[in-house]
N, C-alpha and C. Protein backbone atom coordinates (compact mmCIF):
# COMPACT_ATOMS: atom_id res chain seq x y z
N MET A 1 -27.91 -46.49 82.45
CA MET A 1 -27.65 -45.08 82.66
C MET A 1 -28.74 -44.49 83.56
N LYS A 2 -28.35 -43.98 84.69
CA LYS A 2 -29.29 -43.34 85.61
C LYS A 2 -29.52 -41.91 85.13
N THR A 3 -30.78 -41.57 84.92
CA THR A 3 -31.09 -40.25 84.39
C THR A 3 -31.83 -39.36 85.38
N ILE A 4 -32.09 -39.88 86.58
CA ILE A 4 -32.88 -39.12 87.54
C ILE A 4 -32.46 -39.55 88.95
N SER A 5 -32.51 -38.62 89.87
CA SER A 5 -32.12 -38.94 91.25
C SER A 5 -33.28 -39.60 92.00
N VAL A 6 -32.93 -40.28 93.08
CA VAL A 6 -33.93 -40.90 93.94
C VAL A 6 -34.04 -40.03 95.19
N PRO A 7 -35.15 -39.30 95.33
CA PRO A 7 -35.31 -38.42 96.49
C PRO A 7 -35.36 -39.19 97.81
N THR A 8 -34.86 -38.56 98.85
CA THR A 8 -34.99 -39.09 100.20
C THR A 8 -36.15 -38.39 100.89
N ARG A 9 -36.48 -38.84 102.07
CA ARG A 9 -37.59 -38.24 102.82
C ARG A 9 -37.39 -36.74 103.01
N ASP A 10 -36.14 -36.33 103.25
CA ASP A 10 -35.85 -34.91 103.47
C ASP A 10 -36.03 -34.07 102.21
N ASP A 11 -36.04 -34.70 101.05
CA ASP A 11 -36.13 -33.98 99.78
C ASP A 11 -37.56 -33.72 99.33
N VAL A 12 -38.55 -34.35 99.97
CA VAL A 12 -39.91 -34.32 99.43
C VAL A 12 -40.84 -33.46 100.28
N SER A 13 -41.99 -33.17 99.72
CA SER A 13 -43.01 -32.35 100.39
C SER A 13 -43.53 -33.04 101.64
N PRO A 14 -44.16 -32.29 102.54
CA PRO A 14 -44.78 -32.92 103.72
C PRO A 14 -45.81 -34.00 103.35
N ALA A 15 -46.58 -33.79 102.30
CA ALA A 15 -47.56 -34.80 101.89
C ALA A 15 -46.85 -36.08 101.45
N ASP A 16 -45.77 -35.93 100.70
CA ASP A 16 -45.02 -37.12 100.28
C ASP A 16 -44.26 -37.74 101.44
N GLN A 17 -43.84 -36.94 102.40
CA GLN A 17 -43.20 -37.51 103.60
C GLN A 17 -44.17 -38.43 104.33
N ALA A 18 -45.44 -38.03 104.39
CA ALA A 18 -46.45 -38.87 105.02
C ALA A 18 -46.61 -40.19 104.25
N LEU A 19 -46.57 -40.13 102.93
CA LEU A 19 -46.65 -41.35 102.12
C LEU A 19 -45.40 -42.21 102.34
N PHE A 20 -44.23 -41.58 102.45
CA PHE A 20 -43.01 -42.32 102.74
C PHE A 20 -43.16 -43.06 104.06
N ASP A 21 -43.72 -42.38 105.07
CA ASP A 21 -43.90 -43.01 106.38
C ASP A 21 -44.84 -44.21 106.29
N THR A 22 -45.92 -44.08 105.52
CA THR A 22 -46.87 -45.17 105.33
C THR A 22 -46.21 -46.34 104.63
N LEU A 23 -45.43 -46.06 103.58
CA LEU A 23 -44.71 -47.12 102.87
C LEU A 23 -43.70 -47.80 103.78
N GLU A 24 -43.01 -47.01 104.57
CA GLU A 24 -42.01 -47.56 105.50
C GLU A 24 -42.68 -48.56 106.45
N LYS A 25 -43.87 -48.20 106.94
CA LYS A 25 -44.59 -49.10 107.85
C LYS A 25 -45.11 -50.34 107.14
N GLY A 26 -45.63 -50.17 105.93
CA GLY A 26 -46.25 -51.28 105.23
C GLY A 26 -45.28 -52.20 104.50
N VAL A 27 -44.29 -51.61 103.84
CA VAL A 27 -43.35 -52.38 103.02
C VAL A 27 -42.04 -52.63 103.75
N GLY A 28 -41.73 -51.75 104.69
CA GLY A 28 -40.47 -51.85 105.41
C GLY A 28 -39.42 -50.89 104.90
N PHE A 29 -39.68 -50.27 103.75
CA PHE A 29 -38.80 -49.27 103.17
C PHE A 29 -39.57 -48.55 102.08
N VAL A 30 -39.01 -47.47 101.56
CA VAL A 30 -39.63 -46.76 100.45
C VAL A 30 -38.93 -47.23 99.17
N PRO A 31 -39.63 -47.98 98.34
CA PRO A 31 -39.01 -48.43 97.10
C PRO A 31 -38.53 -47.24 96.26
N ASN A 32 -37.37 -47.41 95.66
CA ASN A 32 -36.77 -46.34 94.86
C ASN A 32 -37.71 -45.82 93.78
N LEU A 33 -38.44 -46.71 93.15
CA LEU A 33 -39.32 -46.29 92.07
C LEU A 33 -40.43 -45.39 92.60
N TYR A 34 -40.95 -45.70 93.78
CA TYR A 34 -41.96 -44.84 94.38
C TYR A 34 -41.36 -43.49 94.77
N ALA A 35 -40.19 -43.51 95.35
CA ALA A 35 -39.53 -42.26 95.72
C ALA A 35 -39.32 -41.38 94.50
N THR A 36 -38.97 -41.98 93.39
CA THR A 36 -38.72 -41.24 92.15
C THR A 36 -39.96 -40.49 91.69
N MET A 37 -41.12 -41.05 91.96
CA MET A 37 -42.37 -40.40 91.55
C MET A 37 -42.55 -39.04 92.21
N THR A 38 -41.91 -38.82 93.34
CA THR A 38 -42.12 -37.56 94.07
C THR A 38 -41.48 -36.36 93.38
N HIS A 39 -40.77 -36.57 92.30
CA HIS A 39 -40.27 -35.44 91.50
C HIS A 39 -41.42 -34.63 90.93
N ALA A 40 -42.57 -35.28 90.73
CA ALA A 40 -43.77 -34.58 90.27
C ALA A 40 -44.74 -34.46 91.44
N ASP A 41 -45.11 -33.26 91.76
CA ASP A 41 -45.99 -33.00 92.91
C ASP A 41 -47.29 -33.79 92.79
N GLY A 42 -47.56 -34.61 93.79
CA GLY A 42 -48.80 -35.38 93.85
C GLY A 42 -48.76 -36.70 93.11
N ALA A 43 -47.72 -36.96 92.32
CA ALA A 43 -47.69 -38.17 91.49
C ALA A 43 -47.73 -39.45 92.33
N LEU A 44 -46.95 -39.52 93.40
CA LEU A 44 -46.92 -40.73 94.22
C LEU A 44 -48.30 -41.00 94.83
N GLY A 45 -48.93 -40.00 95.37
CA GLY A 45 -50.26 -40.19 95.96
C GLY A 45 -51.28 -40.64 94.93
N HIS A 46 -51.25 -40.02 93.76
CA HIS A 46 -52.18 -40.42 92.70
C HIS A 46 -51.91 -41.85 92.25
N TYR A 47 -50.63 -42.19 92.10
CA TYR A 47 -50.28 -43.54 91.67
C TYR A 47 -50.75 -44.58 92.70
N LEU A 48 -50.46 -44.32 93.97
CA LEU A 48 -50.84 -45.29 95.01
C LEU A 48 -52.35 -45.46 95.08
N ALA A 49 -53.10 -44.36 94.90
CA ALA A 49 -54.56 -44.46 94.90
C ALA A 49 -55.04 -45.31 93.72
N PHE A 50 -54.44 -45.12 92.55
CA PHE A 50 -54.79 -45.88 91.35
C PHE A 50 -54.41 -47.35 91.54
N GLN A 51 -53.23 -47.59 92.07
CA GLN A 51 -52.75 -48.96 92.28
C GLN A 51 -53.59 -49.70 93.31
N ASN A 52 -53.96 -49.04 94.38
CA ASN A 52 -54.64 -49.68 95.50
C ASN A 52 -56.16 -49.62 95.41
N ALA A 53 -56.70 -49.13 94.30
CA ALA A 53 -58.15 -49.05 94.14
C ALA A 53 -58.75 -50.45 94.18
N LYS A 54 -59.95 -50.53 94.69
CA LYS A 54 -60.65 -51.81 94.77
C LYS A 54 -60.86 -52.35 93.36
N ARG A 55 -60.59 -53.63 93.19
CA ARG A 55 -60.71 -54.28 91.88
C ARG A 55 -61.48 -55.59 92.05
N SER A 56 -62.09 -56.04 90.96
CA SER A 56 -62.77 -57.33 90.99
C SER A 56 -61.79 -58.48 90.88
N LEU A 57 -60.58 -58.21 90.43
CA LEU A 57 -59.56 -59.26 90.35
C LEU A 57 -58.96 -59.50 91.72
N LYS A 58 -58.72 -60.76 92.03
CA LYS A 58 -58.08 -61.12 93.29
C LYS A 58 -56.60 -60.74 93.24
N PRO A 59 -55.96 -60.62 94.40
CA PRO A 59 -54.53 -60.25 94.41
C PRO A 59 -53.66 -61.17 93.55
N LYS A 60 -53.91 -62.47 93.57
CA LYS A 60 -53.12 -63.39 92.73
C LYS A 60 -53.32 -63.07 91.25
N GLU A 61 -54.53 -62.73 90.88
CA GLU A 61 -54.83 -62.40 89.49
C GLU A 61 -54.14 -61.10 89.08
N ARG A 62 -54.13 -60.13 89.99
CA ARG A 62 -53.43 -58.87 89.69
C ARG A 62 -51.93 -59.11 89.51
N GLU A 63 -51.38 -60.04 90.29
CA GLU A 63 -49.94 -60.33 90.13
C GLU A 63 -49.66 -60.99 88.79
N ILE A 64 -50.60 -61.77 88.29
CA ILE A 64 -50.43 -62.33 86.95
C ILE A 64 -50.33 -61.20 85.94
N VAL A 65 -51.24 -60.24 86.03
CA VAL A 65 -51.20 -59.10 85.12
C VAL A 65 -49.87 -58.37 85.26
N ASN A 66 -49.46 -58.09 86.49
CA ASN A 66 -48.21 -57.35 86.73
C ASN A 66 -47.00 -58.06 86.13
N LEU A 67 -46.93 -59.37 86.31
CA LEU A 67 -45.78 -60.12 85.80
C LEU A 67 -45.77 -60.23 84.28
N VAL A 68 -46.92 -60.49 83.68
CA VAL A 68 -46.98 -60.61 82.22
C VAL A 68 -46.60 -59.28 81.58
N VAL A 69 -47.19 -58.19 82.05
CA VAL A 69 -46.92 -56.88 81.46
C VAL A 69 -45.47 -56.47 81.68
N SER A 70 -44.95 -56.68 82.87
CA SER A 70 -43.57 -56.29 83.17
C SER A 70 -42.58 -57.08 82.32
N GLN A 71 -42.89 -58.34 82.06
CA GLN A 71 -42.02 -59.15 81.20
C GLN A 71 -42.03 -58.60 79.77
N ILE A 72 -43.21 -58.34 79.25
CA ILE A 72 -43.32 -57.81 77.89
C ILE A 72 -42.62 -56.46 77.77
N ASN A 73 -42.78 -55.63 78.79
CA ASN A 73 -42.17 -54.30 78.76
C ASN A 73 -40.70 -54.30 79.18
N GLY A 74 -40.18 -55.45 79.60
CA GLY A 74 -38.77 -55.56 79.94
C GLY A 74 -38.36 -54.73 81.14
N CYS A 75 -39.23 -54.66 82.15
CA CYS A 75 -38.93 -53.85 83.34
C CYS A 75 -38.31 -54.73 84.43
N ARG A 76 -37.00 -54.62 84.59
CA ARG A 76 -36.29 -55.40 85.60
C ARG A 76 -36.78 -55.06 87.01
N TYR A 77 -37.07 -53.80 87.26
CA TYR A 77 -37.50 -53.38 88.59
C TYR A 77 -38.82 -54.06 88.97
N CYS A 78 -39.81 -53.95 88.09
CA CYS A 78 -41.13 -54.50 88.40
C CYS A 78 -41.12 -56.03 88.40
N LEU A 79 -40.29 -56.64 87.57
CA LEU A 79 -40.17 -58.09 87.63
C LEU A 79 -39.61 -58.52 88.97
N ALA A 80 -38.63 -57.78 89.48
CA ALA A 80 -38.05 -58.10 90.78
C ALA A 80 -39.11 -57.95 91.89
N ALA A 81 -39.77 -56.80 91.91
CA ALA A 81 -40.75 -56.54 92.97
C ALA A 81 -41.91 -57.53 92.91
N HIS A 82 -42.45 -57.77 91.72
CA HIS A 82 -43.65 -58.60 91.62
C HIS A 82 -43.36 -60.09 91.66
N THR A 83 -42.12 -60.49 91.42
CA THR A 83 -41.77 -61.89 91.65
C THR A 83 -41.87 -62.19 93.14
N GLY A 84 -41.36 -61.29 93.96
CA GLY A 84 -41.45 -61.47 95.41
C GLY A 84 -42.88 -61.44 95.91
N ILE A 85 -43.68 -60.53 95.37
CA ILE A 85 -45.08 -60.44 95.78
C ILE A 85 -45.84 -61.70 95.36
N ALA A 86 -45.59 -62.16 94.14
CA ALA A 86 -46.27 -63.37 93.65
C ALA A 86 -45.97 -64.57 94.55
N LYS A 87 -44.74 -64.66 95.01
CA LYS A 87 -44.37 -65.77 95.90
C LYS A 87 -45.12 -65.66 97.23
N LYS A 88 -45.34 -64.43 97.70
CA LYS A 88 -46.10 -64.24 98.94
C LYS A 88 -47.55 -64.69 98.77
N TYR A 89 -48.04 -64.63 97.53
CA TYR A 89 -49.41 -65.08 97.26
C TYR A 89 -49.46 -66.56 96.91
N GLY A 90 -48.34 -67.26 97.03
CA GLY A 90 -48.35 -68.71 96.90
C GLY A 90 -47.88 -69.27 95.58
N PHE A 91 -47.46 -68.43 94.65
CA PHE A 91 -46.92 -68.96 93.39
C PHE A 91 -45.52 -69.50 93.63
N SER A 92 -45.22 -70.63 93.01
CA SER A 92 -43.88 -71.22 93.10
C SER A 92 -42.95 -70.52 92.11
N ASP A 93 -41.65 -70.77 92.24
CA ASP A 93 -40.68 -70.20 91.31
C ASP A 93 -41.02 -70.59 89.87
N ASP A 94 -41.33 -71.86 89.65
CA ASP A 94 -41.65 -72.33 88.30
C ASP A 94 -42.94 -71.69 87.78
N GLU A 95 -43.92 -71.53 88.65
CA GLU A 95 -45.17 -70.89 88.22
C GLU A 95 -44.93 -69.44 87.83
N VAL A 96 -44.10 -68.74 88.58
CA VAL A 96 -43.79 -67.34 88.25
C VAL A 96 -43.15 -67.27 86.86
N LEU A 97 -42.25 -68.17 86.57
CA LEU A 97 -41.61 -68.17 85.25
C LEU A 97 -42.62 -68.45 84.14
N GLU A 98 -43.54 -69.36 84.39
CA GLU A 98 -44.59 -69.64 83.40
C GLU A 98 -45.47 -68.40 83.19
N ILE A 99 -45.84 -67.76 84.26
CA ILE A 99 -46.66 -66.55 84.16
C ILE A 99 -45.94 -65.49 83.34
N ARG A 100 -44.67 -65.31 83.59
CA ARG A 100 -43.89 -64.32 82.83
C ARG A 100 -43.88 -64.65 81.34
N ARG A 101 -44.04 -65.89 81.00
CA ARG A 101 -44.12 -66.30 79.58
C ARG A 101 -45.52 -66.03 79.00
N GLY A 102 -46.44 -65.61 79.85
CA GLY A 102 -47.79 -65.29 79.38
C GLY A 102 -48.73 -66.46 79.39
N ARG A 103 -48.51 -67.35 80.34
CA ARG A 103 -49.38 -68.53 80.47
C ARG A 103 -49.34 -69.02 81.92
N ALA A 104 -50.34 -69.81 82.27
CA ALA A 104 -50.40 -70.41 83.61
C ALA A 104 -50.98 -71.81 83.47
N PRO A 105 -50.23 -72.73 82.89
CA PRO A 105 -50.76 -74.07 82.61
C PRO A 105 -51.16 -74.87 83.85
N PHE A 106 -50.81 -74.39 85.01
CA PHE A 106 -51.14 -75.06 86.27
C PHE A 106 -52.55 -74.73 86.76
N ASP A 107 -53.26 -73.79 86.08
CA ASP A 107 -54.61 -73.39 86.49
C ASP A 107 -55.33 -72.83 85.27
N ASP A 108 -56.42 -73.48 84.86
CA ASP A 108 -57.11 -73.10 83.62
C ASP A 108 -57.61 -71.66 83.64
N LYS A 109 -58.18 -71.23 84.75
CA LYS A 109 -58.72 -69.87 84.81
C LYS A 109 -57.60 -68.84 84.75
N LEU A 110 -56.54 -69.05 85.52
CA LEU A 110 -55.42 -68.11 85.49
C LEU A 110 -54.71 -68.13 84.14
N ASP A 111 -54.72 -69.28 83.48
CA ASP A 111 -54.13 -69.39 82.15
C ASP A 111 -54.89 -68.51 81.16
N ALA A 112 -56.21 -68.51 81.24
CA ALA A 112 -57.01 -67.66 80.35
C ALA A 112 -56.69 -66.19 80.59
N LEU A 113 -56.51 -65.80 81.84
CA LEU A 113 -56.16 -64.43 82.17
C LEU A 113 -54.78 -64.07 81.63
N ALA A 114 -53.79 -64.90 81.90
CA ALA A 114 -52.42 -64.62 81.46
C ALA A 114 -52.34 -64.50 79.94
N LYS A 115 -52.98 -65.39 79.24
CA LYS A 115 -52.95 -65.36 77.77
C LYS A 115 -53.65 -64.13 77.22
N LEU A 116 -54.78 -63.75 77.84
CA LEU A 116 -55.48 -62.56 77.38
C LEU A 116 -54.63 -61.31 77.62
N VAL A 117 -54.04 -61.21 78.80
CA VAL A 117 -53.21 -60.04 79.11
C VAL A 117 -52.04 -59.93 78.13
N LYS A 118 -51.40 -61.06 77.87
CA LYS A 118 -50.28 -61.03 76.91
C LYS A 118 -50.75 -60.52 75.56
N SER A 119 -51.90 -61.00 75.11
CA SER A 119 -52.44 -60.56 73.83
C SER A 119 -52.81 -59.07 73.86
N LEU A 120 -53.46 -58.64 74.93
CA LEU A 120 -53.83 -57.22 75.03
C LEU A 120 -52.62 -56.31 74.94
N VAL A 121 -51.55 -56.69 75.63
CA VAL A 121 -50.37 -55.83 75.66
C VAL A 121 -49.62 -55.89 74.33
N THR A 122 -49.39 -57.07 73.82
CA THR A 122 -48.62 -57.17 72.57
C THR A 122 -49.39 -56.62 71.38
N GLU A 123 -50.72 -56.70 71.44
CA GLU A 123 -51.55 -56.21 70.33
C GLU A 123 -52.15 -54.83 70.61
N ARG A 124 -51.64 -54.16 71.65
CA ARG A 124 -52.05 -52.80 72.00
C ARG A 124 -53.57 -52.66 72.17
N GLY A 125 -54.12 -53.58 72.94
CA GLY A 125 -55.53 -53.51 73.28
C GLY A 125 -56.45 -54.26 72.34
N ARG A 126 -55.90 -54.85 71.30
CA ARG A 126 -56.72 -55.60 70.35
C ARG A 126 -56.47 -57.10 70.55
N ALA A 127 -57.08 -57.62 71.58
CA ALA A 127 -56.87 -59.03 71.94
C ALA A 127 -57.42 -59.96 70.87
N GLU A 128 -56.78 -61.11 70.78
CA GLU A 128 -57.30 -62.14 69.88
C GLU A 128 -58.69 -62.53 70.37
N PRO A 129 -59.68 -62.55 69.47
CA PRO A 129 -61.06 -62.89 69.88
C PRO A 129 -61.17 -64.22 70.62
N ALA A 130 -60.41 -65.22 70.19
CA ALA A 130 -60.49 -66.53 70.86
C ALA A 130 -60.02 -66.44 72.30
N LEU A 131 -59.04 -65.60 72.57
CA LEU A 131 -58.54 -65.44 73.94
C LEU A 131 -59.55 -64.70 74.80
N LEU A 132 -60.24 -63.74 74.22
CA LEU A 132 -61.29 -63.03 74.94
C LEU A 132 -62.44 -63.99 75.26
N GLU A 133 -62.80 -64.81 74.31
CA GLU A 133 -63.85 -65.81 74.54
C GLU A 133 -63.43 -66.79 75.63
N ALA A 134 -62.18 -67.23 75.61
CA ALA A 134 -61.68 -68.17 76.63
C ALA A 134 -61.68 -67.52 78.01
N PHE A 135 -61.38 -66.24 78.07
CA PHE A 135 -61.39 -65.48 79.32
C PHE A 135 -62.80 -65.51 79.93
N PHE A 136 -63.80 -65.19 79.13
CA PHE A 136 -65.18 -65.21 79.62
C PHE A 136 -65.63 -66.64 79.94
N ALA A 137 -65.25 -67.60 79.12
CA ALA A 137 -65.62 -68.99 79.36
C ALA A 137 -65.00 -69.53 80.65
N ALA A 138 -63.87 -68.95 81.07
CA ALA A 138 -63.20 -69.38 82.30
C ALA A 138 -63.90 -68.85 83.55
N GLY A 139 -64.90 -68.01 83.37
CA GLY A 139 -65.65 -67.51 84.51
C GLY A 139 -65.44 -66.04 84.83
N TYR A 140 -64.67 -65.36 84.03
CA TYR A 140 -64.49 -63.93 84.23
C TYR A 140 -65.64 -63.17 83.58
N GLY A 141 -65.95 -62.00 84.14
CA GLY A 141 -67.02 -61.17 83.60
C GLY A 141 -66.47 -59.90 82.99
N GLU A 142 -67.39 -59.07 82.54
CA GLU A 142 -67.01 -57.81 81.90
C GLU A 142 -66.25 -56.89 82.85
N GLY A 143 -66.63 -56.88 84.12
CA GLY A 143 -65.91 -56.07 85.10
C GLY A 143 -64.48 -56.53 85.28
N HIS A 144 -64.27 -57.84 85.22
CA HIS A 144 -62.91 -58.37 85.31
C HIS A 144 -62.06 -57.89 84.13
N LEU A 145 -62.67 -57.84 82.95
CA LEU A 145 -61.94 -57.36 81.77
C LEU A 145 -61.52 -55.90 81.97
N VAL A 146 -62.46 -55.08 82.41
CA VAL A 146 -62.14 -53.67 82.66
C VAL A 146 -61.03 -53.57 83.70
N ASP A 147 -61.15 -54.32 84.77
CA ASP A 147 -60.13 -54.25 85.83
C ASP A 147 -58.78 -54.77 85.36
N ALA A 148 -58.75 -55.80 84.52
CA ALA A 148 -57.48 -56.28 83.98
C ALA A 148 -56.81 -55.18 83.17
N ILE A 149 -57.59 -54.46 82.38
CA ILE A 149 -57.03 -53.36 81.59
C ILE A 149 -56.56 -52.24 82.50
N MET A 150 -57.27 -51.98 83.59
CA MET A 150 -56.83 -50.96 84.55
C MET A 150 -55.50 -51.36 85.18
N VAL A 151 -55.35 -52.62 85.56
CA VAL A 151 -54.10 -53.08 86.16
C VAL A 151 -52.97 -53.01 85.14
N ILE A 152 -53.27 -53.31 83.87
CA ILE A 152 -52.26 -53.14 82.82
C ILE A 152 -51.78 -51.70 82.81
N GLY A 153 -52.70 -50.76 82.92
CA GLY A 153 -52.32 -49.35 82.94
C GLY A 153 -51.46 -48.98 84.13
N VAL A 154 -51.83 -49.48 85.30
CA VAL A 154 -51.09 -49.17 86.53
C VAL A 154 -49.65 -49.67 86.42
N ILE A 155 -49.46 -50.92 86.02
CA ILE A 155 -48.10 -51.46 85.97
C ILE A 155 -47.31 -50.86 84.83
N THR A 156 -47.97 -50.47 83.76
CA THR A 156 -47.26 -49.83 82.65
C THR A 156 -46.61 -48.52 83.10
N VAL A 157 -47.26 -47.79 84.00
CA VAL A 157 -46.67 -46.54 84.51
C VAL A 157 -45.32 -46.82 85.15
N THR A 158 -45.26 -47.81 86.05
CA THR A 158 -43.98 -48.07 86.72
C THR A 158 -42.99 -48.72 85.77
N ASN A 159 -43.46 -49.54 84.84
CA ASN A 159 -42.55 -50.13 83.84
C ASN A 159 -41.86 -49.02 83.05
N TYR A 160 -42.63 -48.08 82.58
CA TYR A 160 -42.07 -47.00 81.77
C TYR A 160 -41.16 -46.09 82.61
N LEU A 161 -41.58 -45.83 83.85
CA LEU A 161 -40.75 -44.97 84.69
C LEU A 161 -39.39 -45.61 84.94
N HIS A 162 -39.38 -46.90 85.26
CA HIS A 162 -38.09 -47.54 85.49
C HIS A 162 -37.29 -47.68 84.20
N ASN A 163 -37.93 -48.07 83.12
CA ASN A 163 -37.20 -48.24 81.87
C ASN A 163 -36.58 -46.93 81.40
N THR A 164 -37.19 -45.81 81.75
CA THR A 164 -36.66 -44.50 81.39
C THR A 164 -35.56 -44.05 82.33
N THR A 165 -35.76 -44.26 83.63
CA THR A 165 -34.83 -43.71 84.63
C THR A 165 -33.75 -44.68 85.07
N GLU A 166 -34.04 -45.97 85.01
CA GLU A 166 -33.12 -47.00 85.48
C GLU A 166 -32.64 -46.75 86.92
N VAL A 167 -33.57 -46.29 87.79
CA VAL A 167 -33.20 -46.15 89.20
C VAL A 167 -32.80 -47.51 89.73
N PRO A 168 -31.94 -47.55 90.74
CA PRO A 168 -31.48 -48.84 91.25
C PRO A 168 -32.63 -49.72 91.74
N VAL A 169 -32.54 -51.00 91.39
CA VAL A 169 -33.52 -51.99 91.82
C VAL A 169 -33.20 -52.35 93.27
N ASP A 170 -34.17 -52.18 94.15
CA ASP A 170 -33.95 -52.43 95.57
C ASP A 170 -34.75 -53.63 96.08
N PHE A 171 -35.01 -54.57 95.20
CA PHE A 171 -35.62 -55.86 95.51
C PHE A 171 -34.67 -56.93 94.97
N PRO A 172 -34.75 -58.16 95.49
CA PRO A 172 -33.93 -59.22 94.89
C PRO A 172 -34.29 -59.38 93.40
N LEU A 173 -33.28 -59.44 92.55
CA LEU A 173 -33.53 -59.52 91.12
C LEU A 173 -34.26 -60.79 90.74
N ALA A 174 -35.15 -60.67 89.79
CA ALA A 174 -35.85 -61.84 89.25
C ALA A 174 -34.89 -62.58 88.33
N PRO A 175 -35.01 -63.90 88.29
CA PRO A 175 -34.13 -64.65 87.37
C PRO A 175 -34.46 -64.30 85.91
N ASP A 176 -33.43 -64.42 85.08
CA ASP A 176 -33.66 -64.23 83.65
C ASP A 176 -34.61 -65.30 83.15
N LEU A 177 -35.39 -64.95 82.17
CA LEU A 177 -36.33 -65.89 81.57
C LEU A 177 -35.65 -66.54 80.37
N THR A 178 -35.47 -67.84 80.45
CA THR A 178 -34.86 -68.56 79.35
C THR A 178 -35.95 -69.17 78.49
N PRO A 179 -35.68 -69.35 77.21
CA PRO A 179 -36.73 -69.87 76.30
C PRO A 179 -37.22 -71.24 76.69
């Protein structure tokens, strides 16, 4: 059930039109979920600043967070978008499916991250101590932990927005995750 319209460039403020133009240049189009944010004045700009802030996590690591959280939150839109992004960062189809399950058995360090993120999200910030220890033992530091939690927050915003509005997914759909 669609509960909210997807604004076009003509529907938004001049500031948001400038953001639409930037997205058009960088992504090739304005994703529906981003356009939907323009219903609230300044929301898209604030979101993009939060999303694009410098982080200690590498882009591949951020995609692990995005995929694990989106899977847990059941966001079809973000799973579609971040499956494509993960592939651009070199993850295979099978690796993406493993990540969505909350693990990365193909890389010990990324596995520690995926497992911790899954625990943080399912336990609402109360990660299993052994997973936190494994995260640090894998070479991550305290700043990485803070940044992982920040990325969880960023992706949760879009997960909730799509799950509430069900705006049309304008990326190739991610495959269903089978047990």
